[in-house]
Amino acid sequence: MKNSISILLLTFCVFSLLAQSKNERINQLINSNDSLKKIILQDHHKYIVKTIEFESTIDKLNESNNLLQSEIKYLKSNLSIKNKEIIAIKDSTNKANEYLKNIINEKEIEILKEKPDLDFLITNNSVGLFRIGNSWQYYAKNYYRFNFKQTFGKCIDGACDGGFILGDNLKNTENKNLEVEEGALLTIGASPFMSNNTKSNFNNNQNIFFISSANNDGWYWKDKTSYIIVHSDKFKTKEGIGVGSTLSELKRLLVSTKIKIGWLREDINAIKVEAKAYPGIKFIIEYKDAIGGLDNLESLDDNGLEINESNFNENARIARIIVEESK
């Protein structure tokens, strides 16, 4: 009997334990299910939030895209207008070019096209690499390969400045008139820096030389440029004006010009054309190009009458160009 009771009690205990274990498992499953639901709900909430944010971003991008499309449309419209303006400008330019071709002859067009490089450009204070106030011998020897020799510069009534004549192939000649010296391209001139009573004062100075002319003597720096006389048509202004250019071309290209008359009987450079654009330059015209000759010019000058381009032959040309320090 006792054994039966013990077996019953043991069985009950086993079933109780099994029942308890089952309940715990059910509770655990319920808790797990609740946690899973909570996680799912949280994830769903995050998804909804992300979806809203994504839709908002899409709306903003669509708005930006619409703005860009509007701007592109505006730019295309503006570009079309600009293209029409460019076409109109090109058309006007072509018409202007045709007009210029009709009023400027072929020779003048070629002159306008000539743009000398820096080696042969005439400015207010320089001719090529030779500059007023600077040394010149280095460039003459090493750059241009010019020959040069000491002689006179400008002479007026027997009073002469010191000078050096430069050229590619200077001929040996006793002619002291630099303006017609064979092979002359440039004259580098120097103004006197000191009068003297005796040659012995500076005889040992290799940088200066003495020159004696009919009416004055003087000492001059050998390698300092006071002025430059251009004899060659190789050198030109930026407009293409040089020795050989006509007086009418000079007037047309520089517009504001004035003719001044110096000592006609004594100064070979007496007829000077000055231009407002080039205060440091004198464009020299020969006497032979004056209508009525030298006598007529003297008469006009003596009577205080204005002398201009109309007093010279139509084919009057620049004979020389003098570049000196502008005042």
Protein backbone atom coordinates (compact mmCIF):
# COMPACT_ATOMS: atom_id res chain seq x y z
CA MET A 1 0.00 0.00 0.00
CA LYS A 2 2.79 2.36 0.96
CA ASN A 3 4.53 1.58 -2.27
CA SER A 4 1.43 2.45 -4.27
CA ILE A 5 1.08 5.77 -2.49
CA SER A 6 4.73 6.56 -3.10
CA ILE A 7 4.34 5.78 -6.79
CA LEU A 8 1.27 7.99 -6.99
CA LEU A 9 3.04 10.87 -5.25
CA LEU A 10 6.03 10.50 -7.53
CA THR A 11 3.82 10.47 -10.59
CA PHE A 12 2.00 13.57 -9.40
CA CYS A 13 5.26 15.35 -8.83
CA VAL A 14 6.46 14.43 -12.28
CA PHE A 15 3.27 15.67 -13.87
CA SER A 16 3.43 18.84 -11.80
CA LEU A 17 6.95 19.48 -12.92
CA LEU A 18 6.02 18.81 -16.53
CA ALA A 19 3.00 21.09 -16.26
CA GLN A 20 5.11 23.82 -14.68
CA SER A 21 7.80 23.47 -17.37
CA LYS A 22 5.19 23.69 -20.10
CA ASN A 23 3.67 26.85 -18.65
CA GLU A 24 7.06 28.48 -18.47
CA ARG A 25 7.74 27.59 -22.05
CA ILE A 26 4.37 28.98 -23.08
CA ASN A 27 5.11 32.16 -21.16
CA GLN A 28 8.51 32.38 -22.79
CA LEU A 29 6.95 31.89 -26.18
CA ILE A 30 4.37 34.59 -25.42
CA ASN A 31 7.14 36.94 -24.29
CA SER A 32 9.19 36.14 -27.36
CA ASN A 33 6.17 36.74 -29.55
CA ASP A 34 5.54 40.08 -27.84
CA SER A 35 9.18 41.08 -28.34
CA LEU A 36 9.01 40.08 -31.97
CA LYS A 37 5.82 42.10 -32.44
CA LYS A 38 7.51 45.06 -30.77
CA ILE A 39 10.54 44.77 -33.02
CA ILE A 40 8.31 44.41 -36.08
CA LEU A 41 6.32 47.49 -35.03
CA GLN A 42 9.51 49.47 -34.47
CA ASP A 43 10.88 48.43 -37.84
CA HIS A 44 7.57 49.27 -39.47
CA HIS A 45 7.63 52.70 -37.86
CA LYS A 46 11.18 53.29 -39.07
CA TYR A 47 10.15 52.18 -42.54
CA ILE A 48 7.21 54.60 -42.55
CA VAL A 49 9.51 57.44 -41.38
CA LYS A 50 12.13 56.60 -44.03
CA THR A 51 9.39 56.37 -46.66
CA ILE A 52 8.14 59.84 -45.71
CA GLU A 53 11.68 61.23 -45.79
CA PHE A 54 12.38 59.58 -49.15
CA GLU A 55 9.13 60.96 -50.61
CA SER A 56 10.06 64.42 -49.29
CA THR A 57 13.51 64.14 -50.90
CA ILE A 58 11.93 63.08 -54.17
CA ASP A 59 9.60 66.11 -54.02
CA LYS A 60 12.57 68.43 -53.45
CA LEU A 61 14.53 66.83 -56.29
CA ASN A 62 11.54 67.19 -58.58
CA GLU A 63 11.23 70.84 -57.59
CA SER A 64 14.96 71.40 -58.26
CA ASN A 65 14.67 69.59 -61.57
CA ASN A 66 11.76 71.82 -62.56
CA LEU A 67 13.83 74.91 -61.67
CA LEU A 68 16.79 73.58 -63.68
CA GLN A 69 14.55 72.86 -66.64
CA SER A 70 13.19 76.40 -66.45
CA GLU A 71 16.74 77.82 -66.23
CA ILE A 72 17.91 75.66 -69.17
CA LYS A 73 14.93 76.89 -71.18
CA TYR A 74 15.84 80.51 -70.31
CA LEU A 75 19.51 79.96 -71.19
CA LYS A 76 18.60 78.35 -74.50
CA SER A 77 16.36 81.29 -75.28
CA ASN A 78 19.11 83.75 -74.28
CA LEU A 79 21.67 81.80 -76.32
CA SER A 80 19.42 82.00 -79.32
CA ILE A 81 19.22 85.78 -78.89
CA LYS A 82 23.03 86.03 -78.52
CA ASN A 83 23.54 83.92 -81.63
CA LYS A 84 21.29 86.27 -83.54
CA GLU A 85 23.29 89.24 -82.19
CA ILE A 86 26.59 87.57 -83.22
CA ILE A 87 25.20 86.93 -86.69
CA ALA A 88 24.13 90.58 -86.88
CA ILE A 89 27.60 91.76 -85.73
CA LYS A 90 29.31 89.50 -88.25
CA ASP A 91 27.02 90.83 -90.93
CA SER A 92 27.83 94.43 -89.91
CA THR A 93 31.56 93.62 -89.82
CA ASN A 94 31.43 92.09 -93.27
CA LYS A 95 29.61 95.15 -94.57
CA ALA A 96 32.19 97.42 -92.89
CA ASN A 97 35.03 95.41 -94.41
CA GLU A 98 33.45 95.67 -97.82
CA TYR A 99 33.07 99.40 -97.30
CA LEU A 100 36.73 99.76 -96.29
CA LYS A 101 37.83 97.76 -99.30
CA ASN A 102 35.94 100.18 -101.49
CA ILE A 103 37.44 103.34 -99.99
CA ILE A 104 41.01 102.18 -99.31
CA ASN A 105 43.12 101.12 -102.23
CA GLU A 106 45.15 97.94 -102.25
CA LYS A 107 48.46 99.65 -101.48
CA GLU A 108 47.06 101.40 -98.39
CA ILE A 109 45.64 98.12 -97.08
CA GLU A 110 49.11 96.57 -97.33
CA ILE A 111 50.55 99.49 -95.37
CA LEU A 112 47.94 99.01 -92.64
CA LYS A 113 48.77 95.31 -92.47
CA GLU A 114 52.48 95.97 -91.93
CA LYS A 115 53.20 95.61 -88.24
CA PRO A 116 56.94 95.83 -87.58
CA ASP A 117 58.29 93.61 -84.82
CA LEU A 118 60.12 95.09 -81.84
CA ASP A 119 63.48 94.84 -83.61
CA PHE A 120 62.34 97.42 -86.17
CA LEU A 121 59.63 99.35 -84.31
CA ILE A 122 59.82 103.14 -84.00
CA THR A 123 58.35 104.62 -80.80
CA ASN A 124 58.50 108.00 -79.09
CA ASN A 125 61.89 107.23 -77.54
CA SER A 126 63.35 104.29 -79.42
CA VAL A 127 64.19 102.79 -82.81
CA GLY A 128 64.25 99.01 -82.56
CA LEU A 129 66.48 98.16 -79.59
CA PHE A 130 68.21 101.56 -79.65
CA ARG A 131 66.69 103.75 -76.93
CA ILE A 132 67.20 107.44 -76.20
CA GLY A 133 69.53 107.89 -73.22
CA ASN A 134 70.88 104.33 -73.37
CA SER A 135 74.00 102.72 -74.84
CA TRP A 136 73.83 101.47 -78.43
CA GLN A 137 77.12 99.73 -79.34
CA TYR A 138 76.25 96.34 -77.78
CA TYR A 139 73.07 96.00 -79.88
CA ALA A 140 74.77 97.29 -83.02
CA LYS A 141 77.60 94.73 -82.71
CA ASN A 142 75.90 91.68 -81.22
CA TYR A 143 72.27 91.86 -82.27
CA TYR A 144 71.90 93.70 -85.58
CA ARG A 145 75.48 93.00 -86.75
CA PHE A 146 75.68 96.58 -88.02
CA ASN A 147 78.91 98.21 -89.13
CA PHE A 148 79.42 101.68 -87.73
CA LYS A 149 81.87 104.54 -87.95
CA GLN A 150 82.39 107.82 -86.19
CA THR A 151 81.31 110.91 -88.12
CA PHE A 152 79.05 113.96 -87.80
CA GLY A 153 75.46 113.91 -86.58
CA LYS A 154 73.10 116.80 -87.41
CA CYS A 155 74.72 119.87 -88.92
CA ILE A 156 73.16 123.36 -89.05
CA ASP A 157 75.18 126.24 -90.48
CA GLY A 158 78.45 124.36 -89.99
CA ALA A 159 77.71 123.50 -86.36
CA CYS A 160 77.61 119.71 -86.03
CA ASP A 161 76.79 117.23 -83.30
CA GLY A 162 78.87 114.10 -82.80
CA GLY A 163 77.55 110.90 -84.27
CA PHE A 164 77.98 107.35 -85.53
CA ILE A 165 76.52 106.09 -88.75
CA LEU A 166 75.22 102.48 -88.72
CA GLY A 167 74.54 100.14 -91.62
CA ASP A 168 74.74 96.60 -92.98
CA ASN A 169 77.38 97.47 -95.56
CA LEU A 170 78.82 100.96 -95.14
CA LYS A 171 80.91 102.11 -98.06
CA ASN A 172 84.23 103.88 -97.56
CA THR A 173 83.47 107.43 -98.55
CA GLU A 174 84.62 110.88 -97.55
CA ASN A 175 81.09 112.27 -97.89
CA LYS A 176 80.19 113.87 -94.55
CA ASN A 177 76.52 114.36 -95.39
CA LEU A 178 75.02 111.49 -93.38
CA GLU A 179 71.62 111.83 -94.99
CA VAL A 180 72.98 110.56 -98.33
CA GLU A 181 75.81 108.32 -97.09
CA GLU A 182 75.71 105.05 -99.04
CA GLY A 183 74.61 102.10 -96.93
CA ALA A 184 73.37 104.27 -94.05
CA LEU A 185 70.47 102.80 -92.07
CA LEU A 186 70.63 104.83 -88.84
CA THR A 187 72.62 107.65 -87.34
CA ILE A 188 73.16 107.52 -83.58
CA GLY A 189 73.70 111.13 -82.51
CA ALA A 190 75.13 112.62 -79.33
CA SER A 191 74.73 116.16 -78.08
CA PRO A 192 77.86 117.91 -76.70
CA PHE A 193 78.29 117.57 -72.94
CA MET A 194 81.20 119.98 -72.46
CA SER A 195 82.88 122.76 -74.39
CA ASN A 196 86.67 122.74 -74.44
CA ASN A 197 89.70 124.90 -75.08
CA THR A 198 92.23 122.11 -75.33
CA LYS A 199 91.95 118.56 -76.70
CA SER A 200 94.33 117.26 -74.05
CA ASN A 201 91.62 117.49 -71.35
CA PHE A 202 89.89 114.26 -72.45
CA ASN A 203 92.36 112.53 -74.76
CA ASN A 204 92.86 109.54 -72.45
CA ASN A 205 89.16 108.86 -71.90
CA GLN A 206 88.14 105.96 -74.18
CA ASN A 207 84.45 106.63 -73.63
CA ILE A 208 84.36 110.05 -75.27
CA PHE A 209 85.51 111.55 -78.53
CA PHE A 210 86.19 115.03 -79.85
CA ILE A 211 84.62 116.38 -83.00
CA SER A 212 85.52 119.60 -84.75
CA SER A 213 83.18 121.28 -87.23
CA ALA A 214 83.16 124.64 -88.94
CA ASN A 215 81.46 126.65 -86.20
CA ASN A 216 81.83 124.62 -83.02
CA ASP A 217 83.91 121.96 -81.27
CA GLY A 218 82.67 119.57 -78.64
CA TRP A 219 83.17 116.39 -76.64
CA TYR A 220 80.61 113.61 -76.88
CA TRP A 221 79.97 110.30 -75.15
CA LYS A 222 80.72 107.48 -77.60
CA ASP A 223 78.09 105.08 -76.31
CA LYS A 224 75.16 107.26 -75.29
CA THR A 225 72.18 107.93 -77.53
CA SER A 226 70.92 111.52 -77.60
CA TYR A 227 68.92 111.18 -80.81
CA ILE A 228 68.46 108.76 -83.71
CA ILE A 229 68.05 109.57 -87.40
CA VAL A 230 66.33 106.84 -89.41
CA HIS A 231 67.39 106.60 -93.07
CA SER A 232 66.00 103.12 -93.81
CA ASP A 233 62.45 101.98 -94.56
CA LYS A 234 63.08 98.83 -92.48
CA PHE A 235 62.05 100.72 -89.34
CA LYS A 236 58.39 101.73 -88.94
CA THR A 237 55.85 102.93 -86.36
CA LYS A 238 53.09 100.58 -85.22
CA GLU A 239 50.85 102.17 -87.89
CA GLY A 240 53.34 101.17 -90.59
CA ILE A 241 54.73 104.68 -91.12
CA GLY A 242 58.38 104.86 -92.12
CA VAL A 243 60.84 106.41 -94.55
CA GLY A 244 59.12 106.44 -97.95
CA SER A 245 55.58 106.76 -96.58
CA THR A 246 53.67 109.60 -98.24
CA LEU A 247 52.64 112.79 -96.51
CA SER A 248 48.98 111.95 -97.20
CA GLU A 249 49.39 108.52 -95.52
CA LEU A 250 51.00 110.20 -92.53
CA LYS A 251 48.09 112.63 -92.27
CA ARG A 252 45.44 109.93 -92.69
CA LEU A 253 46.94 107.45 -90.21
CA LEU A 254 47.95 109.93 -87.49
CA VAL A 255 45.19 112.51 -88.15
CA SER A 256 46.49 115.28 -85.88
CA THR A 257 49.65 116.54 -87.64
CA LYS A 258 51.34 119.90 -88.08
CA ILE A 259 54.14 121.07 -90.39
CA LYS A 260 56.83 123.27 -88.87
CA ILE A 261 59.51 125.11 -90.83
CA GLY A 262 63.03 125.69 -89.53
CA TRP A 263 66.10 127.29 -91.09
CA LEU A 264 65.35 126.41 -94.68
CA ARG A 265 68.65 127.44 -96.29
CA GLU A 266 70.92 125.91 -93.64
CA ASP A 267 69.16 122.91 -92.08
CA ILE A 268 68.57 119.84 -94.26
CA ASN A 269 65.95 118.73 -91.68
CA ALA A 270 64.15 122.10 -91.66
CA ILE A 271 60.74 120.79 -92.82
CA LYS A 272 59.39 118.76 -89.92
CA VAL A 273 55.99 117.10 -89.67
CA GLU A 274 54.94 116.68 -86.05
CA ALA A 275 52.14 114.40 -84.84
CA LYS A 276 50.28 114.61 -81.56
CA ALA A 277 50.61 110.84 -81.12
CA TYR A 278 54.43 111.04 -81.37
CA PRO A 279 55.81 114.08 -79.49
CA GLY A 280 59.34 112.61 -79.65
CA ILE A 281 59.39 112.15 -83.44
CA LYS A 282 59.99 114.51 -86.36
CA PHE A 283 59.04 113.27 -89.86
CA ILE A 284 61.29 115.09 -92.37
CA ILE A 285 60.09 116.22 -95.82
CA GLU A 286 62.49 117.35 -98.57
CA TYR A 287 62.45 120.87 -100.08
CA LYS A 288 61.99 119.44 -103.57
CA ASP A 289 58.52 118.17 -102.64
CA ALA A 290 57.20 121.68 -101.92
CA ILE A 291 54.90 123.23 -104.53
CA GLY A 292 56.74 126.24 -105.88
CA GLY A 293 60.00 125.06 -104.37
CA LEU A 294 62.11 126.53 -101.63
CA ASP A 295 61.42 130.17 -102.57
CA ASN A 296 57.66 129.71 -102.20
CA LEU A 297 58.08 128.05 -98.79
CA GLU A 298 60.31 130.90 -97.60
CA SER A 299 57.76 133.43 -98.81
CA LEU A 300 54.94 131.70 -96.94
CA ASP A 301 57.08 131.38 -93.82
CA ASP A 302 58.30 134.99 -93.93
CA ASN A 303 54.74 136.26 -94.22
CA GLY A 304 53.54 134.16 -91.29
CA LEU A 305 51.17 132.10 -93.42
CA GLU A 306 50.22 128.57 -92.38
CA ILE A 307 52.10 125.81 -94.17
CA ASN A 308 50.25 122.47 -94.48
CA GLU A 309 49.93 119.40 -96.68
CA SER A 310 48.36 121.43 -99.48
CA ASN A 311 51.69 123.23 -100.01
CA PHE A 312 53.41 119.99 -101.03
CA ASN A 313 53.19 117.69 -104.02
CA GLU A 314 50.72 114.84 -103.84
CA ASN A 315 53.52 112.25 -103.87
CA ALA A 316 55.64 113.99 -101.19
CA ARG A 317 57.32 111.34 -99.04
CA ILE A 318 59.07 111.10 -95.69
CA ALA A 319 62.82 111.39 -96.34
CA ARG A 320 64.07 110.78 -92.79
CA ILE A 321 62.70 110.27 -89.29
CA ILE A 322 64.34 111.87 -86.25
CA VAL A 323 63.66 110.37 -82.82
CA GLU A 324 64.80 112.41 -79.85
CA GLU A 325 63.82 112.91 -76.24
CA SER A 326 60.29 114.32 -76.12
CA LYS A 327 59.99 117.62 -74.28
